[in-house]
């Protein structure tokens, strides 16, 4: 029997990670996010910083990174993807859980009884949130959000051939800026 898994994909700054952790806490099941990074660091030998970035975002220019190095075989990003795929699959096989990001919605589509959720919010809500919660002040919050979302979407599209954030690819899309973090948690847990 397939385990019940909730995958949380999210726009940067929308509170998806927080929602995932609260959902898992309310349901009494594990939430995997940083744990995936730690496991991938052990398996690959890459630094945690590299795994955190390269496991969800395309580096710099998407086209240059996607095609330039593949003439000589797998890139570091491809190797990381293979390990990420394996780690997420193994975590879902252990038992019910919540998995945040890292294309888990795609990876588990045929491997788990999966509720695929996408969390989004408008630019103002997310800009305020990354300043207040993450202390992001180095560049314009709006520029940072656009950059992160663009790189996250490109990564997702490259490895899954699916459009990130496209409602038809998810069972549930929630606007955390309108509903609030706690109401998003309540809706997701009610569907579990």
N, C-alpha and C. Protein backbone atom coordinates (compact mmCIF):
# COMPACT_ATOMS: atom_id res chain seq x y z
N UNK A 1 0.84 -1.19 0.00
CA UNK A 1 0.00 0.00 0.00
C UNK A 1 0.88 1.25 0.00
N UNK A 2 0.49 2.23 -0.77
CA UNK A 2 1.26 3.47 -0.85
C UNK A 2 0.99 4.34 0.37
N UNK A 3 2.03 4.99 0.86
CA UNK A 3 1.89 5.89 2.00
C UNK A 3 1.26 7.20 1.57
N UNK A 4 0.53 7.82 2.46
CA UNK A 4 -0.08 9.12 2.20
C UNK A 4 0.99 10.18 2.42
N UNK A 5 1.28 10.96 1.40
CA UNK A 5 2.31 11.99 1.46
C UNK A 5 1.72 13.30 0.98
N UNK A 6 2.07 14.38 1.65
CA UNK A 6 1.69 15.71 1.21
C UNK A 6 2.95 16.39 0.70
N UNK A 7 2.91 16.85 -0.54
CA UNK A 7 4.04 17.62 -1.07
C UNK A 7 3.62 19.08 -1.11
N UNK A 8 4.53 19.94 -0.68
CA UNK A 8 4.28 21.37 -0.66
C UNK A 8 5.26 22.05 -1.60
N UNK A 9 4.75 22.51 -2.73
CA UNK A 9 5.53 23.37 -3.62
C UNK A 9 5.13 24.80 -3.27
N UNK A 10 6.05 25.74 -3.47
CA UNK A 10 5.70 27.09 -3.01
C UNK A 10 6.50 28.16 -3.72
N UNK A 11 5.86 29.33 -3.80
CA UNK A 11 6.59 30.51 -4.24
C UNK A 11 7.48 30.94 -3.08
N UNK A 12 8.61 31.52 -3.41
CA UNK A 12 9.53 32.00 -2.39
C UNK A 12 8.83 33.08 -1.55
N UNK A 13 8.88 32.93 -0.23
CA UNK A 13 8.30 33.92 0.67
C UNK A 13 6.83 33.72 0.96
N UNK A 14 6.20 32.70 0.40
CA UNK A 14 4.76 32.50 0.59
C UNK A 14 4.42 31.79 1.90
N UNK A 15 5.41 31.27 2.57
CA UNK A 15 5.17 30.56 3.82
C UNK A 15 4.97 29.06 3.65
N UNK A 16 5.27 28.54 2.48
CA UNK A 16 5.07 27.12 2.22
C UNK A 16 5.82 26.20 3.17
N UNK A 17 7.05 26.56 3.49
CA UNK A 17 7.85 25.73 4.42
C UNK A 17 7.20 25.74 5.80
N UNK A 18 6.78 26.90 6.26
CA UNK A 18 6.11 27.02 7.56
C UNK A 18 4.82 26.23 7.57
N UNK A 19 4.06 26.33 6.51
CA UNK A 19 2.80 25.59 6.39
C UNK A 19 3.07 24.09 6.43
N UNK A 20 4.07 23.65 5.68
CA UNK A 20 4.40 22.22 5.68
C UNK A 20 4.75 21.71 7.06
N UNK A 21 5.55 22.47 7.80
CA UNK A 21 5.95 22.05 9.14
C UNK A 21 4.75 22.01 10.09
N UNK A 22 3.86 23.00 9.99
CA UNK A 22 2.68 23.02 10.85
C UNK A 22 1.70 21.90 10.51
N UNK A 23 1.55 21.61 9.23
CA UNK A 23 0.68 20.50 8.81
C UNK A 23 1.20 19.20 9.40
N UNK A 24 2.50 18.96 9.25
CA UNK A 24 3.10 17.73 9.78
C UNK A 24 2.93 17.63 11.29
N UNK A 25 3.14 18.75 11.97
CA UNK A 25 3.00 18.77 13.42
C UNK A 25 1.57 18.42 13.83
N UNK A 26 0.58 19.02 13.16
CA UNK A 26 -0.82 18.73 13.50
C UNK A 26 -1.20 17.29 13.21
N UNK A 27 -0.64 16.72 12.15
CA UNK A 27 -0.97 15.35 11.77
C UNK A 27 -0.11 14.31 12.50
N UNK A 28 0.95 14.78 13.17
CA UNK A 28 1.83 13.86 13.88
C UNK A 28 2.68 13.01 12.95
N UNK A 29 3.08 13.60 11.83
CA UNK A 29 3.92 12.89 10.85
C UNK A 29 5.18 13.74 10.59
N UNK A 30 6.24 13.13 10.07
CA UNK A 30 7.47 13.89 9.81
C UNK A 30 7.29 14.89 8.66
N UNK A 31 8.05 15.97 8.75
CA UNK A 31 8.15 16.95 7.66
C UNK A 31 9.61 16.95 7.21
N UNK A 32 9.81 16.70 5.93
CA UNK A 32 11.16 16.65 5.40
C UNK A 32 11.44 17.88 4.54
N UNK A 33 12.49 18.57 4.92
CA UNK A 33 12.95 19.74 4.17
C UNK A 33 14.46 19.78 4.31
N UNK A 34 14.95 20.31 5.42
CA UNK A 34 16.39 20.35 5.66
C UNK A 34 16.98 18.94 5.76
N UNK A 35 16.16 17.97 6.18
CA UNK A 35 16.62 16.59 6.29
C UNK A 35 17.01 16.02 4.92
N UNK A 36 16.31 16.46 3.89
CA UNK A 36 16.63 16.02 2.52
C UNK A 36 18.01 16.56 2.13
N UNK A 37 18.25 17.81 2.46
CA UNK A 37 19.55 18.41 2.16
C UNK A 37 20.65 17.66 2.89
N UNK A 38 20.45 17.39 4.17
CA UNK A 38 21.46 16.68 4.96
C UNK A 38 21.77 15.31 4.37
N UNK A 39 20.74 14.59 3.97
CA UNK A 39 20.94 13.25 3.40
C UNK A 39 21.68 13.34 2.07
N UNK A 40 21.36 14.34 1.26
CA UNK A 40 22.02 14.51 -0.03
C UNK A 40 23.49 14.91 0.15
N UNK A 41 23.77 15.69 1.18
CA UNK A 41 25.16 16.06 1.48
C UNK A 41 25.96 14.80 1.81
N UNK A 42 25.37 13.91 2.62
CA UNK A 42 26.05 12.66 2.98
C UNK A 42 26.31 11.80 1.74
N UNK A 43 25.32 11.71 0.87
CA UNK A 43 25.43 10.82 -0.28
C UNK A 43 26.34 11.35 -1.38
N UNK A 44 26.37 12.67 -1.55
CA UNK A 44 27.09 13.24 -2.69
C UNK A 44 28.44 13.83 -2.34
N UNK A 45 28.60 14.27 -1.09
CA UNK A 45 29.83 14.96 -0.71
C UNK A 45 29.82 16.44 -1.06
N UNK A 46 28.74 16.92 -1.68
CA UNK A 46 28.62 18.35 -1.97
C UNK A 46 28.37 19.11 -0.66
N UNK A 47 28.68 20.39 -0.65
CA UNK A 47 28.46 21.21 0.54
C UNK A 47 26.96 21.44 0.75
N UNK A 48 26.54 21.67 1.99
CA UNK A 48 25.13 21.94 2.25
C UNK A 48 24.61 23.16 1.47
N UNK A 49 25.45 24.18 1.35
CA UNK A 49 25.05 25.39 0.62
C UNK A 49 24.79 25.07 -0.85
N UNK A 50 25.66 24.26 -1.43
CA UNK A 50 25.49 23.88 -2.84
C UNK A 50 24.22 23.05 -3.02
N UNK A 51 24.02 22.08 -2.16
CA UNK A 51 22.85 21.22 -2.26
C UNK A 51 21.57 22.03 -2.10
N UNK A 52 21.57 22.96 -1.16
CA UNK A 52 20.38 23.79 -0.92
C UNK A 52 20.02 24.60 -2.16
N UNK A 53 20.99 25.19 -2.80
CA UNK A 53 20.74 26.00 -4.00
C UNK A 53 20.51 25.15 -5.25
N UNK A 54 21.42 24.24 -5.52
CA UNK A 54 21.37 23.50 -6.78
C UNK A 54 20.28 22.43 -6.80
N UNK A 55 19.72 22.09 -5.64
CA UNK A 55 18.67 21.09 -5.58
C UNK A 55 17.29 21.65 -5.83
N UNK A 56 17.19 22.95 -6.05
CA UNK A 56 15.89 23.56 -6.28
C UNK A 56 15.92 24.71 -7.27
N UNK A 57 17.08 25.24 -7.53
CA UNK A 57 17.19 26.42 -8.39
C UNK A 57 18.22 26.20 -9.48
N UNK A 58 17.93 26.72 -10.67
CA UNK A 58 18.96 26.70 -11.70
C UNK A 58 19.97 27.78 -11.35
N UNK A 59 21.26 27.51 -11.58
CA UNK A 59 22.26 28.53 -11.29
C UNK A 59 22.29 29.58 -12.41
N UNK A 60 22.42 30.83 -12.02
CA UNK A 60 22.57 31.92 -13.00
C UNK A 60 21.65 31.79 -14.19
N UNK A 61 22.22 31.76 -15.36
CA UNK A 61 21.46 31.65 -16.60
C UNK A 61 21.05 30.20 -16.82
N UNK A 62 19.77 29.95 -16.88
CA UNK A 62 19.25 28.60 -17.02
C UNK A 62 19.77 27.91 -18.28
N UNK A 63 19.69 28.57 -19.41
CA UNK A 63 20.10 27.91 -20.65
C UNK A 63 21.57 27.57 -20.67
N UNK A 64 22.39 28.47 -20.14
CA UNK A 64 23.83 28.17 -20.16
C UNK A 64 24.15 26.98 -19.28
N UNK A 65 23.53 26.90 -18.12
CA UNK A 65 23.82 25.79 -17.23
C UNK A 65 23.19 24.50 -17.71
N UNK A 66 22.04 24.59 -18.36
CA UNK A 66 21.32 23.39 -18.75
C UNK A 66 21.99 22.65 -19.89
N UNK A 67 22.66 23.37 -20.78
CA UNK A 67 23.15 22.73 -21.97
C UNK A 67 24.66 22.73 -22.15
N UNK A 68 25.34 23.66 -21.55
CA UNK A 68 26.77 23.81 -21.85
C UNK A 68 27.61 22.63 -21.40
N UNK A 69 27.37 22.09 -20.23
CA UNK A 69 28.24 21.05 -19.69
C UNK A 69 27.79 19.63 -20.01
N UNK A 70 26.67 19.45 -20.63
CA UNK A 70 26.13 18.11 -20.87
C UNK A 70 26.82 17.39 -22.03
N UNK A 71 27.68 18.08 -22.74
CA UNK A 71 28.42 17.43 -23.82
C UNK A 71 29.35 16.36 -23.27
N UNK A 72 29.75 16.50 -22.02
CA UNK A 72 30.71 15.60 -21.41
C UNK A 72 30.07 14.64 -20.41
N UNK A 73 28.76 14.54 -20.40
CA UNK A 73 28.06 13.64 -19.47
C UNK A 73 27.25 14.42 -18.45
N UNK A 74 26.95 13.75 -17.37
CA UNK A 74 26.13 14.35 -16.33
C UNK A 74 26.83 15.54 -15.67
N UNK A 75 26.06 16.57 -15.38
CA UNK A 75 26.58 17.71 -14.63
C UNK A 75 26.42 17.42 -13.14
N UNK A 76 27.01 18.25 -12.31
CA UNK A 76 26.81 18.13 -10.86
C UNK A 76 25.33 18.23 -10.52
N UNK A 77 24.61 19.11 -11.23
CA UNK A 77 23.18 19.28 -10.99
C UNK A 77 22.43 17.99 -11.31
N UNK A 78 22.84 17.30 -12.39
CA UNK A 78 22.19 16.03 -12.75
C UNK A 78 22.45 14.96 -11.70
N UNK A 79 23.67 14.92 -11.20
CA UNK A 79 24.02 13.96 -10.15
C UNK A 79 23.20 14.25 -8.91
N UNK A 80 23.08 15.52 -8.57
CA UNK A 80 22.28 15.93 -7.42
C UNK A 80 20.82 15.54 -7.61
N UNK A 81 20.29 15.74 -8.81
CA UNK A 81 18.89 15.37 -9.11
C UNK A 81 18.68 13.87 -8.88
N UNK A 82 19.60 13.04 -9.34
CA UNK A 82 19.46 11.60 -9.17
C UNK A 82 19.42 11.22 -7.69
N UNK A 83 20.26 11.85 -6.89
CA UNK A 83 20.27 11.57 -5.45
C UNK A 83 19.02 12.12 -4.78
N UNK A 84 18.59 13.29 -5.19
CA UNK A 84 17.38 13.89 -4.64
C UNK A 84 16.18 12.98 -4.91
N UNK A 85 16.09 12.48 -6.12
CA UNK A 85 15.02 11.57 -6.52
C UNK A 85 15.00 10.35 -5.61
N UNK A 86 16.17 9.77 -5.39
CA UNK A 86 16.32 8.58 -4.56
C UNK A 86 15.95 8.87 -3.11
N UNK A 87 16.46 9.96 -2.55
CA UNK A 87 16.21 10.30 -1.14
C UNK A 87 14.72 10.55 -0.92
N UNK A 88 14.09 11.30 -1.79
CA UNK A 88 12.66 11.60 -1.62
C UNK A 88 11.82 10.34 -1.74
N UNK A 89 12.15 9.48 -2.69
CA UNK A 89 11.43 8.23 -2.85
C UNK A 89 11.56 7.37 -1.59
N UNK A 90 12.76 7.28 -1.04
CA UNK A 90 12.99 6.48 0.16
C UNK A 90 12.25 7.06 1.37
N UNK A 91 12.22 8.37 1.52
CA UNK A 91 11.50 8.99 2.63
C UNK A 91 10.01 8.69 2.55
N UNK A 92 9.45 8.76 1.36
CA UNK A 92 8.02 8.49 1.17
C UNK A 92 7.69 7.03 1.45
N UNK A 93 8.64 6.14 1.22
CA UNK A 93 8.42 4.72 1.48
C UNK A 93 8.44 4.39 2.96
N UNK A 94 9.09 5.24 3.76
CA UNK A 94 9.17 5.00 5.20
C UNK A 94 7.81 5.10 5.89
N UNK A 95 6.96 6.02 5.40
CA UNK A 95 5.66 6.22 6.03
C UNK A 95 5.08 7.56 5.63
N UNK A 96 3.88 7.85 6.12
CA UNK A 96 3.24 9.13 5.80
C UNK A 96 4.14 10.30 6.21
N UNK A 97 4.13 11.36 5.42
CA UNK A 97 5.00 12.51 5.71
C UNK A 97 4.57 13.71 4.88
N UNK A 98 5.20 14.83 5.17
CA UNK A 98 5.10 16.05 4.37
C UNK A 98 6.49 16.30 3.81
N UNK A 99 6.55 16.59 2.51
CA UNK A 99 7.84 16.91 1.88
C UNK A 99 7.71 18.28 1.23
N UNK A 100 8.63 19.17 1.59
CA UNK A 100 8.60 20.54 1.10
C UNK A 100 9.56 20.69 -0.08
N UNK A 101 9.01 21.14 -1.22
CA UNK A 101 9.81 21.49 -2.39
C UNK A 101 10.52 20.34 -3.05
N UNK A 102 11.59 20.68 -3.79
CA UNK A 102 12.51 19.73 -4.41
C UNK A 102 11.84 18.80 -5.41
N UNK A 103 10.79 19.28 -6.09
CA UNK A 103 10.07 18.52 -7.13
C UNK A 103 9.46 17.24 -6.60
N UNK A 104 9.19 17.18 -5.30
CA UNK A 104 8.61 15.96 -4.71
C UNK A 104 7.26 15.64 -5.34
N UNK A 105 6.51 16.66 -5.74
CA UNK A 105 5.22 16.42 -6.38
C UNK A 105 5.38 15.55 -7.62
N UNK A 106 6.40 15.81 -8.39
CA UNK A 106 6.68 15.04 -9.60
C UNK A 106 7.29 13.67 -9.26
N UNK A 107 8.27 13.67 -8.39
CA UNK A 107 8.97 12.44 -8.04
C UNK A 107 8.02 11.39 -7.49
N UNK A 108 7.05 11.82 -6.68
CA UNK A 108 6.16 10.87 -6.00
C UNK A 108 4.83 10.64 -6.70
N UNK A 109 4.65 11.20 -7.87
CA UNK A 109 3.34 11.13 -8.51
C UNK A 109 2.83 9.70 -8.69
N UNK A 110 3.71 8.73 -8.89
CA UNK A 110 3.28 7.34 -9.05
C UNK A 110 3.78 6.44 -7.93
N UNK A 111 4.42 7.04 -6.93
CA UNK A 111 5.05 6.23 -5.88
C UNK A 111 4.37 6.35 -4.53
N UNK A 112 3.44 7.27 -4.39
CA UNK A 112 2.80 7.48 -3.10
C UNK A 112 1.37 7.97 -3.34
N UNK A 113 0.55 7.83 -2.32
CA UNK A 113 -0.77 8.44 -2.34
C UNK A 113 -0.52 9.90 -1.97
N UNK A 114 -0.39 10.72 -2.98
CA UNK A 114 0.20 12.04 -2.83
C UNK A 114 -0.83 13.16 -2.99
N UNK A 115 -0.91 14.04 -2.00
CA UNK A 115 -1.69 15.27 -2.10
C UNK A 115 -0.71 16.36 -2.48
N UNK A 116 -0.83 16.87 -3.70
CA UNK A 116 0.11 17.87 -4.21
C UNK A 116 -0.47 19.27 -4.00
N UNK A 117 0.25 20.08 -3.22
CA UNK A 117 -0.21 21.42 -2.83
C UNK A 117 0.78 22.46 -3.35
N UNK A 118 0.24 23.58 -3.83
CA UNK A 118 1.07 24.71 -4.23
C UNK A 118 0.63 25.93 -3.42
N UNK A 119 1.58 26.57 -2.74
CA UNK A 119 1.32 27.76 -1.92
C UNK A 119 1.86 28.97 -2.65
N UNK A 120 1.02 29.99 -2.76
CA UNK A 120 1.42 31.23 -3.44
C UNK A 120 0.84 32.42 -2.68
N UNK A 121 1.29 33.60 -3.04
CA UNK A 121 0.76 34.84 -2.46
C UNK A 121 1.20 35.99 -3.36
N UNK A 122 0.57 37.13 -3.17
CA UNK A 122 0.95 38.27 -4.01
C UNK A 122 2.31 38.82 -3.58
N UNK A 123 2.87 39.64 -4.45
CA UNK A 123 4.22 40.16 -4.26
C UNK A 123 4.36 40.96 -2.97
N UNK A 124 3.40 41.78 -2.63
CA UNK A 124 3.49 42.61 -1.41
C UNK A 124 3.58 41.75 -0.15
N UNK A 125 2.73 40.73 -0.06
CA UNK A 125 2.74 39.83 1.10
C UNK A 125 4.10 39.13 1.22
N UNK A 126 4.59 38.61 0.12
CA UNK A 126 5.84 37.86 0.14
C UNK A 126 7.03 38.77 0.41
N UNK A 127 7.03 39.98 -0.17
CA UNK A 127 8.14 40.92 0.06
C UNK A 127 8.22 41.29 1.54
N UNK A 128 7.09 41.59 2.14
CA UNK A 128 7.06 41.92 3.56
C UNK A 128 7.52 40.72 4.40
N UNK A 129 7.07 39.55 4.02
CA UNK A 129 7.40 38.35 4.78
C UNK A 129 8.89 38.03 4.74
N UNK A 130 9.54 38.16 3.58
CA UNK A 130 10.97 37.81 3.54
C UNK A 130 11.82 38.83 4.30
N UNK A 131 11.34 40.04 4.41
CA UNK A 131 12.07 41.03 5.21
C UNK A 131 11.85 40.74 6.69
N UNK A 132 10.59 40.49 7.08
CA UNK A 132 10.29 40.27 8.49
C UNK A 132 10.76 38.92 9.01
N UNK A 133 10.56 37.85 8.25
CA UNK A 133 10.86 36.51 8.73
C UNK A 133 12.31 36.12 8.46
N UNK A 134 12.79 36.40 7.25
CA UNK A 134 14.14 35.97 6.87
C UNK A 134 15.19 37.07 7.02
N UNK A 135 14.75 38.30 7.25
CA UNK A 135 15.70 39.39 7.36
C UNK A 135 16.35 39.76 6.04
N UNK A 136 15.70 39.44 4.93
CA UNK A 136 16.24 39.73 3.60
C UNK A 136 16.28 41.24 3.37
N UNK A 137 17.47 41.79 3.26
CA UNK A 137 17.59 43.23 3.07
C UNK A 137 18.69 43.60 2.08
N UNK A 138 19.38 42.60 1.54
CA UNK A 138 20.53 42.88 0.68
C UNK A 138 20.14 43.51 -0.65
N UNK A 139 19.02 43.12 -1.21
CA UNK A 139 18.56 43.70 -2.47
C UNK A 139 17.07 43.93 -2.35
N UNK A 140 16.50 44.54 -3.34
CA UNK A 140 15.06 44.77 -3.34
C UNK A 140 14.33 43.44 -3.11
N UNK A 141 13.42 43.37 -2.14
CA UNK A 141 12.71 42.12 -1.90
C UNK A 141 11.98 41.62 -3.16
N UNK A 142 11.41 42.54 -3.90
CA UNK A 142 10.69 42.15 -5.12
C UNK A 142 11.64 41.52 -6.15
N UNK A 143 12.84 42.10 -6.30
CA UNK A 143 13.82 41.52 -7.22
C UNK A 143 14.25 40.13 -6.75
N UNK A 144 14.46 39.99 -5.47
CA UNK A 144 14.86 38.70 -4.90
C UNK A 144 13.78 37.65 -5.13
N UNK A 145 12.53 38.02 -4.92
CA UNK A 145 11.41 37.10 -5.13
C UNK A 145 11.31 36.67 -6.59
N UNK A 146 11.40 37.64 -7.48
CA UNK A 146 11.32 37.32 -8.92
C UNK A 146 12.45 36.39 -9.34
N UNK A 147 13.66 36.67 -8.86
CA UNK A 147 14.81 35.84 -9.20
C UNK A 147 14.64 34.41 -8.69
N UNK A 148 14.29 34.26 -7.42
CA UNK A 148 14.12 32.93 -6.82
C UNK A 148 13.02 32.15 -7.54
N UNK A 149 11.89 32.80 -7.78
CA UNK A 149 10.78 32.11 -8.44
C UNK A 149 11.13 31.72 -9.87
N UNK A 150 11.83 32.59 -10.57
CA UNK A 150 12.22 32.30 -11.95
C UNK A 150 13.16 31.09 -11.99
N UNK A 151 14.13 31.07 -11.09
CA UNK A 151 15.09 29.96 -11.05
C UNK A 151 14.44 28.66 -10.58
N UNK A 152 13.52 28.76 -9.64
CA UNK A 152 12.79 27.58 -9.16
C UNK A 152 11.92 27.01 -10.28
N UNK A 153 11.23 27.87 -11.01
CA UNK A 153 10.38 27.43 -12.13
C UNK A 153 11.21 26.78 -13.23
N UNK A 154 12.36 27.36 -13.54
CA UNK A 154 13.22 26.80 -14.59
C UNK A 154 13.75 25.43 -14.19
N UNK A 155 14.15 25.28 -12.95
CA UNK A 155 14.65 24.00 -12.45
C UNK A 155 13.55 22.94 -12.56
N UNK A 156 12.38 23.29 -12.09
CA UNK A 156 11.25 22.36 -12.10
C UNK A 156 10.91 21.96 -13.53
N UNK A 157 10.88 22.91 -14.40
CA UNK A 157 10.55 22.62 -15.80
C UNK A 157 11.60 21.73 -16.45
N UNK A 158 12.87 21.99 -16.16
CA UNK A 158 13.94 21.23 -16.78
C UNK A 158 13.91 19.76 -16.36
N UNK A 159 13.74 19.51 -15.06
CA UNK A 159 13.81 18.14 -14.58
C UNK A 159 12.47 17.39 -14.61
N UNK A 160 11.36 18.08 -14.72
CA UNK A 160 10.07 17.40 -14.70
C UNK A 160 9.28 17.55 -16.00
N UNK A 161 9.64 18.52 -16.82
CA UNK A 161 8.88 18.87 -18.01
C UNK A 161 7.46 19.29 -17.67
N UNK A 162 7.29 19.82 -16.47
CA UNK A 162 6.00 20.33 -16.02
C UNK A 162 6.15 21.80 -15.66
N UNK A 163 5.09 22.54 -15.79
CA UNK A 163 5.11 23.96 -15.47
C UNK A 163 4.88 24.15 -13.97
N UNK A 164 5.88 24.69 -13.30
CA UNK A 164 5.82 24.95 -11.86
C UNK A 164 4.77 26.03 -11.58
N UNK A 165 3.93 25.79 -10.60
CA UNK A 165 2.92 26.77 -10.21
C UNK A 165 1.66 26.73 -11.04
N UNK A 166 1.61 25.90 -12.05
CA UNK A 166 0.45 25.78 -12.94
C UNK A 166 -0.62 24.96 -12.22
N UNK A 167 -1.77 25.55 -11.96
CA UNK A 167 -2.79 24.95 -11.09
C UNK A 167 -3.16 23.52 -11.46
N UNK A 168 -3.20 23.21 -12.75
CA UNK A 168 -3.58 21.87 -13.18
C UNK A 168 -2.60 20.78 -12.75
N UNK A 169 -1.41 21.16 -12.34
CA UNK A 169 -0.41 20.18 -11.90
C UNK A 169 -0.50 19.85 -10.41
N UNK A 170 -1.45 20.46 -9.72
CA UNK A 170 -1.59 20.28 -8.28
C UNK A 170 -3.03 19.92 -7.94
N UNK A 171 -3.22 19.30 -6.79
CA UNK A 171 -4.56 19.01 -6.32
C UNK A 171 -5.17 20.24 -5.65
N UNK A 172 -4.30 21.07 -5.08
CA UNK A 172 -4.75 22.20 -4.29
C UNK A 172 -3.77 23.35 -4.42
N UNK A 173 -4.26 24.53 -4.72
CA UNK A 173 -3.42 25.74 -4.69
C UNK A 173 -4.05 26.70 -3.68
N UNK A 174 -3.22 27.25 -2.83
CA UNK A 174 -3.71 28.13 -1.77
C UNK A 174 -2.94 29.44 -1.75
N UNK A 175 -3.67 30.53 -1.59
CA UNK A 175 -3.07 31.86 -1.49
C UNK A 175 -2.89 32.19 -0.02
N UNK A 176 -1.68 32.02 0.48
CA UNK A 176 -1.41 32.24 1.90
C UNK A 176 -1.55 33.70 2.30
N UNK A 177 -1.41 34.62 1.34
CA UNK A 177 -1.57 36.03 1.64
C UNK A 177 -3.01 36.40 1.92
N UNK A 178 -3.93 35.70 1.31
CA UNK A 178 -5.36 35.95 1.51
C UNK A 178 -5.89 35.10 2.66
N UNK A 179 -5.56 33.82 2.65
CA UNK A 179 -6.10 32.89 3.65
C UNK A 179 -5.37 32.97 4.99
N UNK A 180 -4.09 33.28 4.96
CA UNK A 180 -3.27 33.25 6.16
C UNK A 180 -2.65 31.87 6.33
N UNK A 181 -1.53 31.83 6.99
CA UNK A 181 -0.77 30.59 7.18
C UNK A 181 -1.62 29.54 7.90
N UNK A 182 -2.25 29.91 9.01
CA UNK A 182 -3.00 28.94 9.81
C UNK A 182 -4.19 28.38 9.06
N UNK A 183 -4.89 29.18 8.29
CA UNK A 183 -6.03 28.67 7.53
C UNK A 183 -5.57 27.71 6.43
N UNK A 184 -4.44 27.99 5.80
CA UNK A 184 -3.87 27.06 4.82
C UNK A 184 -3.58 25.72 5.48
N UNK A 185 -3.02 25.76 6.68
CA UNK A 185 -2.74 24.53 7.43
C UNK A 185 -4.04 23.77 7.70
N UNK A 186 -5.06 24.48 8.13
CA UNK A 186 -6.35 23.83 8.44
C UNK A 186 -6.96 23.17 7.20
N UNK A 187 -6.88 23.84 6.08
CA UNK A 187 -7.45 23.29 4.83
C UNK A 187 -6.70 22.02 4.44
N UNK A 188 -5.38 22.06 4.47
CA UNK A 188 -4.58 20.90 4.06
C UNK A 188 -4.83 19.72 5.01
N UNK A 189 -4.82 19.98 6.31
CA UNK A 189 -5.01 18.88 7.26
C UNK A 189 -6.42 18.29 7.15
N UNK A 190 -7.39 19.11 6.79
CA UNK A 190 -8.77 18.59 6.65
C UNK A 190 -8.89 17.64 5.45
N UNK A 191 -7.98 17.76 4.48
CA UNK A 191 -8.01 16.90 3.30
C UNK A 191 -7.22 15.62 3.48
N UNK A 192 -6.45 15.56 4.55
CA UNK A 192 -5.59 14.41 4.78
C UNK A 192 -6.43 13.28 5.34
